[in-house]
Amino acid sequence: MRYPRVLGVKVMQHLEAIDHISYVRYASIYREFQELGEFISEINSLETRVPRDVKQPELFRKM
C-alpha cells in the first residue's frame, strides 16, 4: 500500500516548513536513523534547504 508512505512524506514537508526541530525528530523515526551522522547530515542539509525563520532557534551554535 502506497498511502502511508505518501502521508509520511507530506508530514515531513509540513514540519520542515513550520518547525525544524520537530521535523528532524519525525524524520529520524520515519526514516529510521541508526547513527548520529544521519542526524547531523539531515540538520546540515536542512540548513541549506530551508531559510531559517527568525522565530526558529538555531539547532546548533557554530563556534
Protein backbone atom coordinates (compact mmCIF):
# COMPACT_ATOMS: atom_id res chain seq x y z
CA MET A 1 0.00 0.00 0.00
CA ARG A 2 1.41 3.37 -1.01
CA TYR A 3 -0.70 5.76 1.09
CA PRO A 4 1.26 5.52 4.38
CA ARG A 5 4.48 6.47 2.57
CA VAL A 6 2.83 9.44 0.86
CA LEU A 7 1.36 10.55 4.18
CA GLY A 8 4.74 10.34 5.93
CA VAL A 9 6.40 12.45 3.23
CA LYS A 10 3.62 15.06 3.44
CA VAL A 11 4.01 15.26 7.22
CA MET A 12 7.76 15.81 6.84
CA GLN A 13 7.19 18.55 4.25
CA HIS A 14 4.82 20.43 6.53
CA LEU A 15 7.01 20.04 9.61
CA GLU A 16 10.04 21.22 7.66
CA ALA A 17 8.20 24.45 6.88
CA ILE A 18 6.96 25.18 10.40
CA ASP A 19 9.31 23.63 12.96
CA HIS A 20 12.80 22.36 12.17
CA ILE A 21 13.29 20.53 15.46
CA SER A 22 10.02 18.63 15.10
CA TYR A 23 10.94 17.87 11.50
CA VAL A 24 14.28 16.30 12.47
CA ARG A 25 12.66 14.31 15.29
CA TYR A 26 9.92 12.99 12.99
CA ALA A 27 12.35 12.28 10.14
CA SER A 28 14.61 10.31 12.48
CA ILE A 29 11.76 7.92 13.30
CA TYR A 30 10.14 7.84 9.86
CA ARG A 31 13.44 7.26 8.04
CA GLU A 32 14.84 5.07 10.85
CA PHE A 33 18.13 6.88 11.53
CA GLN A 34 20.64 4.46 13.03
CA GLU A 35 23.69 6.67 13.60
CA LEU A 36 24.46 10.15 14.88
CA GLY A 37 25.92 11.03 11.47
CA GLU A 38 22.47 10.66 9.93
CA PHE A 39 21.09 13.30 12.31
CA ILE A 40 23.97 15.64 11.59
CA SER A 41 23.62 15.19 7.82
CA GLU A 42 19.90 15.89 7.97
CA ILE A 43 20.41 19.02 10.09
CA ASN A 44 23.14 20.28 7.77
CA SER A 45 21.01 19.68 4.68
CA LEU A 46 18.03 21.33 6.36
CA GLU A 47 20.07 24.46 6.96
CA THR A 48 20.87 24.70 3.25
CA ARG A 49 17.36 23.81 2.01
CA VAL A 50 15.14 25.98 4.15
CA PRO A 51 15.77 29.57 5.16
CA ARG A 52 15.56 29.81 8.95
CA ASP A 53 12.63 31.77 10.32
CA VAL A 54 13.82 34.44 12.74
CA LYS A 55 11.50 32.97 15.38
CA GLN A 56 13.03 29.47 14.99
CA PRO A 57 16.01 28.87 17.30
CA GLU A 58 19.23 27.52 15.82
CA LEU A 59 19.65 23.76 16.18
CA PHE A 60 23.35 24.11 16.95
CA ARG A 61 25.54 27.13 17.52
CA LYS A 62 28.50 27.50 15.23
CA MET A 63 31.70 28.07 17.14
